[in-house]
Amino acid sequence: MSEQASVPAADTPPVRSGAAAFIFVTILLDMLALGLILPILPKLVESSSTTTLRRRRGFWTVGTAWA
């Protein structure tokens, strides 16, 4: 039974150290893009629409495209 419990080191996959860096860079870029669009979005939607309904629709459209 002890032979089944021990697993040779060759069968274990290597640890990937680049995964954490990739996730960090992805989150960093996402936060940077969000930080750029938040100050610009209200003025952009206001300038392109005339009524409140169109402004709401503009925010929803941009938000949906962003997601």
PDB file of N, CA and C in Angstrom:
ATOM      1  N   MET A   1       0.802  -1.200   0.000  1.00  0.00           N
ATOM      2  CA  MET A   1       0.000   0.000   0.000  1.00  0.00           C
ATOM      3  C   MET A   1       0.842   1.260   0.000  1.00  0.00           C
ATOM      4  N   SER A   2       2.008   1.192   0.534  1.00  0.00           N
ATOM      5  CA  SER A   2       2.853   2.378   0.572  1.00  0.00           C
ATOM      6  C   SER A   2       3.368   2.748  -0.809  1.00  0.00           C
ATOM      7  N   GLU A   3       3.387   1.793  -1.737  1.00  0.00           N
ATOM      8  CA  GLU A   3       3.831   2.093  -3.099  1.00  0.00           C
ATOM      9  C   GLU A   3       2.815   2.974  -3.826  1.00  0.00           C
ATOM     10  N   GLN A   4       1.528   2.789  -3.556  1.00  0.00           N
ATOM     11  CA  GLN A   4       0.499   3.596  -4.198  1.00  0.00           C
ATOM     12  C   GLN A   4       0.465   5.014  -3.621  1.00  0.00           C
ATOM     13  N   ALA A   5       0.804   5.165  -2.370  1.00  0.00           N
ATOM     14  CA  ALA A   5       0.743   6.475  -1.725  1.00  0.00           C
ATOM     15  C   ALA A   5       1.864   7.397  -2.192  1.00  0.00           C
ATOM     16  N   SER A   6       3.001   6.854  -2.536  1.00  0.00           N
ATOM     17  CA  SER A   6       4.108   7.707  -2.967  1.00  0.00           C
ATOM     18  C   SER A   6       4.041   7.934  -4.470  1.00  0.00           C
ATOM     19  N   VAL A   7       4.139   9.173  -4.872  1.00  0.00           N
ATOM     20  CA  VAL A   7       4.084   9.547  -6.288  1.00  0.00           C
ATOM     21  C   VAL A   7       5.470  10.018  -6.684  1.00  0.00           C
ATOM     22  N   PRO A   8       5.991   9.505  -7.779  1.00  0.00           N
ATOM     23  CA  PRO A   8       7.314   9.962  -8.221  1.00  0.00           C
ATOM     24  C   PRO A   8       7.291  11.445  -8.580  1.00  0.00           C
ATOM     25  N   ALA A   9       8.411  12.112  -8.412  1.00  0.00           N
ATOM     26  CA  ALA A   9       8.508  13.549  -8.680  1.00  0.00           C
ATOM     27  C   ALA A   9       8.348  13.871 -10.162  1.00  0.00           C
ATOM     28  N   ALA A  10       8.593  12.913 -11.036  1.00  0.00           N
ATOM     29  CA  ALA A  10       8.496  13.163 -12.476  1.00  0.00           C
ATOM     30  C   ALA A  10       7.050  13.324 -12.928  1.00  0.00           C
ATOM     31  N   ASP A  11       6.083  12.815 -12.180  1.00  0.00           N
ATOM     32  CA  ASP A  11       4.675  12.905 -12.574  1.00  0.00           C
ATOM     33  C   ASP A  11       4.009  14.209 -12.151  1.00  0.00           C
ATOM     34  N   THR A  12       4.602  14.963 -11.278  1.00  0.00           N
ATOM     35  CA  THR A  12       3.989  16.208 -10.829  1.00  0.00           C
ATOM     36  C   THR A  12       4.313  17.330 -11.818  1.00  0.00           C
ATOM     37  N   PRO A  13       3.304  18.153 -12.146  1.00  0.00           N
ATOM     38  CA  PRO A  13       3.552  19.249 -13.097  1.00  0.00           C
ATOM     39  C   PRO A  13       4.408  20.338 -12.447  1.00  0.00           C
ATOM     40  N   PRO A  14       5.197  21.035 -13.253  1.00  0.00           N
ATOM     41  CA  PRO A  14       6.023  22.115 -12.692  1.00  0.00           C
ATOM     42  C   PRO A  14       5.156  23.299 -12.282  1.00  0.00           C
ATOM     43  N   VAL A  15       5.598  24.020 -11.292  1.00  0.00           N
ATOM     44  CA  VAL A  15       4.880  25.202 -10.810  1.00  0.00           C
ATOM     45  C   VAL A  15       5.145  26.352 -11.778  1.00  0.00           C
ATOM     46  N   ARG A  16       4.068  27.014 -12.203  1.00  0.00           N
ATOM     47  CA  ARG A  16       4.199  28.145 -13.135  1.00  0.00           C
ATOM     48  C   ARG A  16       4.251  29.439 -12.351  1.00  0.00           C
ATOM     49  N   SER A  17       5.358  30.125 -12.449  1.00  0.00           N
ATOM     50  CA  SER A  17       5.503  31.382 -11.712  1.00  0.00           C
ATOM     51  C   SER A  17       4.969  32.576 -12.501  1.00  0.00           C
ATOM     52  N   GLY A  18       4.741  32.435 -13.788  1.00  0.00           N
ATOM     53  CA  GLY A  18       4.267  33.544 -14.607  1.00  0.00           C
ATOM     54  C   GLY A  18       2.776  33.792 -14.501  1.00  0.00           C
ATOM     55  N   ALA A  19       2.026  32.877 -13.896  1.00  0.00           N
ATOM     56  CA  ALA A  19       0.573  33.026 -13.814  1.00  0.00           C
ATOM     57  C   ALA A  19       0.193  34.230 -12.956  1.00  0.00           C
ATOM     58  N   ALA A  20       0.841  34.404 -11.816  1.00  0.00           N
ATOM     59  CA  ALA A  20       0.520  35.525 -10.935  1.00  0.00           C
ATOM     60  C   ALA A  20       0.871  36.855 -11.605  1.00  0.00           C
ATOM     61  N   ALA A  21       1.982  36.889 -12.317  1.00  0.00           N
ATOM     62  CA  ALA A  21       2.375  38.118 -13.017  1.00  0.00           C
ATOM     63  C   ALA A  21       1.373  38.460 -14.121  1.00  0.00           C
ATOM     64  N   PHE A  22       0.902  37.455 -14.833  1.00  0.00           N
ATOM     65  CA  PHE A  22      -0.080  37.671 -15.893  1.00  0.00           C
ATOM     66  C   PHE A  22      -1.382  38.228 -15.321  1.00  0.00           C
ATOM     67  N   ILE A  23      -1.839  37.661 -14.221  1.00  0.00           N
ATOM     68  CA  ILE A  23      -3.069  38.131 -13.591  1.00  0.00           C
ATOM     69  C   ILE A  23      -2.890  39.566 -13.099  1.00  0.00           C
ATOM     70  N   PHE A  24      -1.755  39.869 -12.495  1.00  0.00           N
ATOM     71  CA  PHE A  24      -1.492  41.219 -12.002  1.00  0.00           C
ATOM     72  C   PHE A  24      -1.489  42.229 -13.146  1.00  0.00           C
ATOM     73  N   VAL A  25      -0.834  41.921 -14.245  1.00  0.00           N
ATOM     74  CA  VAL A  25      -0.772  42.842 -15.384  1.00  0.00           C
ATOM     75  C   VAL A  25      -2.162  43.024 -15.991  1.00  0.00           C
ATOM     76  N   THR A  26      -2.948  41.965 -16.064  1.00  0.00           N
ATOM     77  CA  THR A  26      -4.300  42.057 -16.608  1.00  0.00           C
ATOM     78  C   THR A  26      -5.167  42.978 -15.758  1.00  0.00           C
ATOM     79  N   ILE A  27      -5.109  42.816 -14.444  1.00  0.00           N
ATOM     80  CA  ILE A  27      -5.894  43.675 -13.553  1.00  0.00           C
ATOM     81  C   ILE A  27      -5.397  45.109 -13.622  1.00  0.00           C
ATOM     82  N   LEU A  28      -4.100  45.302 -13.707  1.00  0.00           N
ATOM     83  CA  LEU A  28      -3.529  46.648 -13.806  1.00  0.00           C
ATOM     84  C   LEU A  28      -4.017  47.370 -15.066  1.00  0.00           C
ATOM     85  N   LEU A  29      -4.003  46.681 -16.196  1.00  0.00           N
ATOM     86  CA  LEU A  29      -4.478  47.293 -17.444  1.00  0.00           C
ATOM     87  C   LEU A  29      -5.968  47.585 -17.386  1.00  0.00           C
ATOM     88  N   ASP A  30      -6.737  46.696 -16.768  1.00  0.00           N
ATOM     89  CA  ASP A  30      -8.173  46.914 -16.652  1.00  0.00           C
ATOM     90  C   ASP A  30      -8.461  48.135 -15.782  1.00  0.00           C
ATOM     91  N   MET A  31      -7.761  48.283 -14.682  1.00  0.00           N
ATOM     92  CA  MET A  31      -7.950  49.447 -13.807  1.00  0.00           C
ATOM     93  C   MET A  31      -7.511  50.737 -14.495  1.00  0.00           C
ATOM     94  N   LEU A  32      -6.432  50.674 -15.263  1.00  0.00           N
ATOM     95  CA  LEU A  32      -5.966  51.846 -15.994  1.00  0.00           C
ATOM     96  C   LEU A  32      -7.008  52.291 -17.026  1.00  0.00           C
ATOM     97  N   ALA A  33      -7.565  51.351 -17.760  1.00  0.00           N
ATOM     98  CA  ALA A  33      -8.579  51.688 -18.756  1.00  0.00           C
ATOM     99  C   ALA A  33      -9.835  52.237 -18.095  1.00  0.00           C
ATOM    100  N   LEU A  34     -10.228  51.646 -16.983  1.00  0.00           N
ATOM    101  CA  LEU A  34     -11.408  52.129 -16.276  1.00  0.00           C
ATOM    102  C   LEU A  34     -11.168  53.530 -15.725  1.00  0.00           C
ATOM    103  N   GLY A  35      -9.975  53.781 -15.228  1.00  0.00           N
ATOM    104  CA  GLY A  35      -9.631  55.112 -14.724  1.00  0.00           C
ATOM    105  C   GLY A  35      -9.605  56.167 -15.809  1.00  0.00           C
ATOM    106  N   LEU A  36      -9.335  55.761 -17.036  1.00  0.00           N
ATOM    107  CA  LEU A  36      -9.341  56.721 -18.144  1.00  0.00           C
ATOM    108  C   LEU A  36     -10.748  57.007 -18.643  1.00  0.00           C
ATOM    109  N   ILE A  37     -11.627  56.008 -18.657  1.00  0.00           N
ATOM    110  CA  ILE A  37     -12.951  56.197 -19.241  1.00  0.00           C
ATOM    111  C   ILE A  37     -13.923  56.862 -18.267  1.00  0.00           C
ATOM    112  N   LEU A  38     -13.770  56.647 -16.958  1.00  0.00           N
ATOM    113  CA  LEU A  38     -14.732  57.207 -16.007  1.00  0.00           C
ATOM    114  C   LEU A  38     -14.822  58.733 -16.045  1.00  0.00           C
ATOM    115  N   PRO A  39     -13.729  59.476 -16.090  1.00  0.00           N
ATOM    116  CA  PRO A  39     -13.876  60.935 -16.154  1.00  0.00           C
ATOM    117  C   PRO A  39     -14.394  61.437 -17.508  1.00  0.00           C
ATOM    118  N   ILE A  40     -14.171  60.692 -18.549  1.00  0.00           N
ATOM    119  CA  ILE A  40     -14.520  61.131 -19.901  1.00  0.00           C
ATOM    120  C   ILE A  40     -15.956  60.770 -20.271  1.00  0.00           C
ATOM    121  N   LEU A  41     -16.451  59.649 -19.779  1.00  0.00           N
ATOM    122  CA  LEU A  41     -17.750  59.119 -20.201  1.00  0.00           C
ATOM    123  C   LEU A  41     -18.919  60.079 -20.001  1.00  0.00           C
ATOM    124  N   PRO A  42     -19.111  60.721 -18.845  1.00  0.00           N
ATOM    125  CA  PRO A  42     -20.280  61.600 -18.705  1.00  0.00           C
ATOM    126  C   PRO A  42     -20.301  62.754 -19.704  1.00  0.00           C
ATOM    127  N   LYS A  43     -19.166  63.380 -19.919  1.00  0.00           N
ATOM    128  CA  LYS A  43     -19.130  64.493 -20.877  1.00  0.00           C
ATOM    129  C   LYS A  43     -19.323  64.002 -22.310  1.00  0.00           C
ATOM    130  N   LEU A  44     -18.815  62.834 -22.605  1.00  0.00           N
ATOM    131  CA  LEU A  44     -18.971  62.266 -23.941  1.00  0.00           C
ATOM    132  C   LEU A  44     -20.433  61.967 -24.232  1.00  0.00           C
ATOM    133  N   VAL A  45     -21.132  61.373 -23.283  1.00  0.00           N
ATOM    134  CA  VAL A  45     -22.544  61.060 -23.485  1.00  0.00           C
ATOM    135  C   VAL A  45     -23.382  62.331 -23.509  1.00  0.00           C
ATOM    136  N   GLU A  46     -23.077  63.299 -22.659  1.00  0.00           N
ATOM    137  CA  GLU A  46     -23.821  64.562 -22.660  1.00  0.00           C
ATOM    138  C   GLU A  46     -23.701  65.303 -23.981  1.00  0.00           C
ATOM    139  N   SER A  47     -22.509  65.295 -24.555  1.00  0.00           N
ATOM    140  CA  SER A  47     -22.311  66.041 -25.788  1.00  0.00           C
ATOM    141  C   SER A  47     -22.972  65.369 -26.991  1.00  0.00           C
ATOM    142  N   SER A  48     -23.195  64.074 -26.899  1.00  0.00           N
ATOM    143  CA  SER A  48     -23.762  63.383 -28.059  1.00  0.00           C
ATOM    144  C   SER A  48     -25.267  63.185 -27.960  1.00  0.00           C
ATOM    145  N   SER A  49     -25.890  63.527 -26.832  1.00  0.00           N
ATOM    146  CA  SER A  49     -27.333  63.329 -26.713  1.00  0.00           C
ATOM    147  C   SER A  49     -27.989  64.573 -26.148  1.00  0.00           C
ATOM    148  N   THR A  50     -29.279  64.704 -26.426  1.00  0.00           N
ATOM    149  CA  THR A  50     -30.000  65.903 -26.025  1.00  0.00           C
ATOM    150  C   THR A  50     -30.975  65.657 -24.886  1.00  0.00           C
ATOM    151  N   THR A  51     -31.541  64.472 -24.784  1.00  0.00           N
ATOM    152  CA  THR A  51     -32.537  64.201 -23.748  1.00  0.00           C
ATOM    153  C   THR A  51     -31.971  63.258 -22.690  1.00  0.00           C
ATOM    154  N   THR A  52     -32.652  63.227 -21.557  1.00  0.00           N
ATOM    155  CA  THR A  52     -32.220  62.366 -20.457  1.00  0.00           C
ATOM    156  C   THR A  52     -32.315  60.898 -20.847  1.00  0.00           C
ATOM    157  N   LEU A  53     -33.340  60.540 -21.587  1.00  0.00           N
ATOM    158  CA  LEU A  53     -33.507  59.147 -22.003  1.00  0.00           C
ATOM    159  C   LEU A  53     -32.350  58.711 -22.901  1.00  0.00           C
ATOM    160  N   ARG A  54     -31.958  59.574 -23.806  1.00  0.00           N
ATOM    161  CA  ARG A  54     -30.837  59.232 -24.685  1.00  0.00           C
ATOM    162  C   ARG A  54     -29.527  59.147 -23.899  1.00  0.00           C
ATOM    163  N   ARG A  55     -29.378  59.993 -22.876  1.00  0.00           N
ATOM    164  CA  ARG A  55     -28.169  59.915 -22.043  1.00  0.00           C
ATOM    165  C   ARG A  55     -28.113  58.591 -21.307  1.00  0.00           C
ATOM    166  N   ARG A  56     -29.246  58.187 -20.740  1.00  0.00           N
ATOM    167  CA  ARG A  56     -29.289  56.890 -20.053  1.00  0.00           C
ATOM    168  C   ARG A  56     -28.956  55.759 -21.014  1.00  0.00           C
ATOM    169  N   ARG A  57     -29.550  55.832 -22.171  1.00  0.00           N
ATOM    170  CA  ARG A  57     -29.290  54.795 -23.177  1.00  0.00           C
ATOM    171  C   ARG A  57     -27.810  54.791 -23.580  1.00  0.00           C
ATOM    172  N   GLY A  58     -27.223  55.971 -23.658  1.00  0.00           N
ATOM    173  CA  GLY A  58     -25.810  56.070 -23.995  1.00  0.00           C
ATOM    174  C   GLY A  58     -24.923  55.451 -22.932  1.00  0.00           C
ATOM    175  N   PHE A  59     -25.248  55.703 -21.651  1.00  0.00           N
ATOM    176  CA  PHE A  59     -24.484  55.088 -20.572  1.00  0.00           C
ATOM    177  C   PHE A  59     -24.614  53.571 -20.597  1.00  0.00           C
ATOM    178  N   TRP A  60     -25.836  53.080 -20.808  1.00  0.00           N
ATOM    179  CA  TRP A  60     -26.041  51.632 -20.864  1.00  0.00           C
ATOM    180  C   TRP A  60     -25.328  51.008 -22.056  1.00  0.00           C
ATOM    181  N   THR A  61     -25.331  51.694 -23.181  1.00  0.00           N
ATOM    182  CA  THR A  61     -24.664  51.171 -24.370  1.00  0.00           C
ATOM    183  C   THR A  61     -23.164  51.070 -24.156  1.00  0.00           C
ATOM    184  N   VAL A  62     -22.576  52.129 -23.629  1.00  0.00           N
ATOM    185  CA  VAL A  62     -21.133  52.120 -23.386  1.00  0.00           C
ATOM    186  C   VAL A  62     -20.773  51.107 -22.299  1.00  0.00           C
ATOM    187  N   GLY A  63     -21.599  51.029 -21.265  1.00  0.00           N
ATOM    188  CA  GLY A  63     -21.359  50.050 -20.199  1.00  0.00           C
ATOM    189  C   GLY A  63     -21.443  48.626 -20.682  1.00  0.00           C
ATOM    190  N   THR A  64     -22.406  48.360 -21.556  1.00  0.00           N
ATOM    191  CA  THR A  64     -22.539  47.022 -22.113  1.00  0.00           C
ATOM    192  C   THR A  64     -21.378  46.692 -23.027  1.00  0.00           C
ATOM    193  N   ALA A  65     -20.971  47.646 -23.827  1.00  0.00           N
ATOM    194  CA  ALA A  65     -19.823  47.408 -24.716  1.00  0.00           C
ATOM    195  C   ALA A  65     -18.545  47.231 -23.907  1.00  0.00           C
ATOM    196  N   TRP A  66     -18.447  47.930 -22.785  1.00  0.00           N
ATOM    197  CA  TRP A  66     -17.258  47.839 -21.935  1.00  0.00           C
ATOM    198  C   TRP A  66     -17.139  46.441 -21.329  1.00  0.00           C
ATOM    199  N   ALA A  67     -18.277  45.894 -20.914  1.00  0.00           N
ATOM    200  CA  ALA A  67     -18.268  44.565 -20.271  1.00  0.00           C
ATOM    201  C   ALA A  67     -17.977  43.518 -21.304  1.00  0.00           C
TER     202      ALA A  67
END
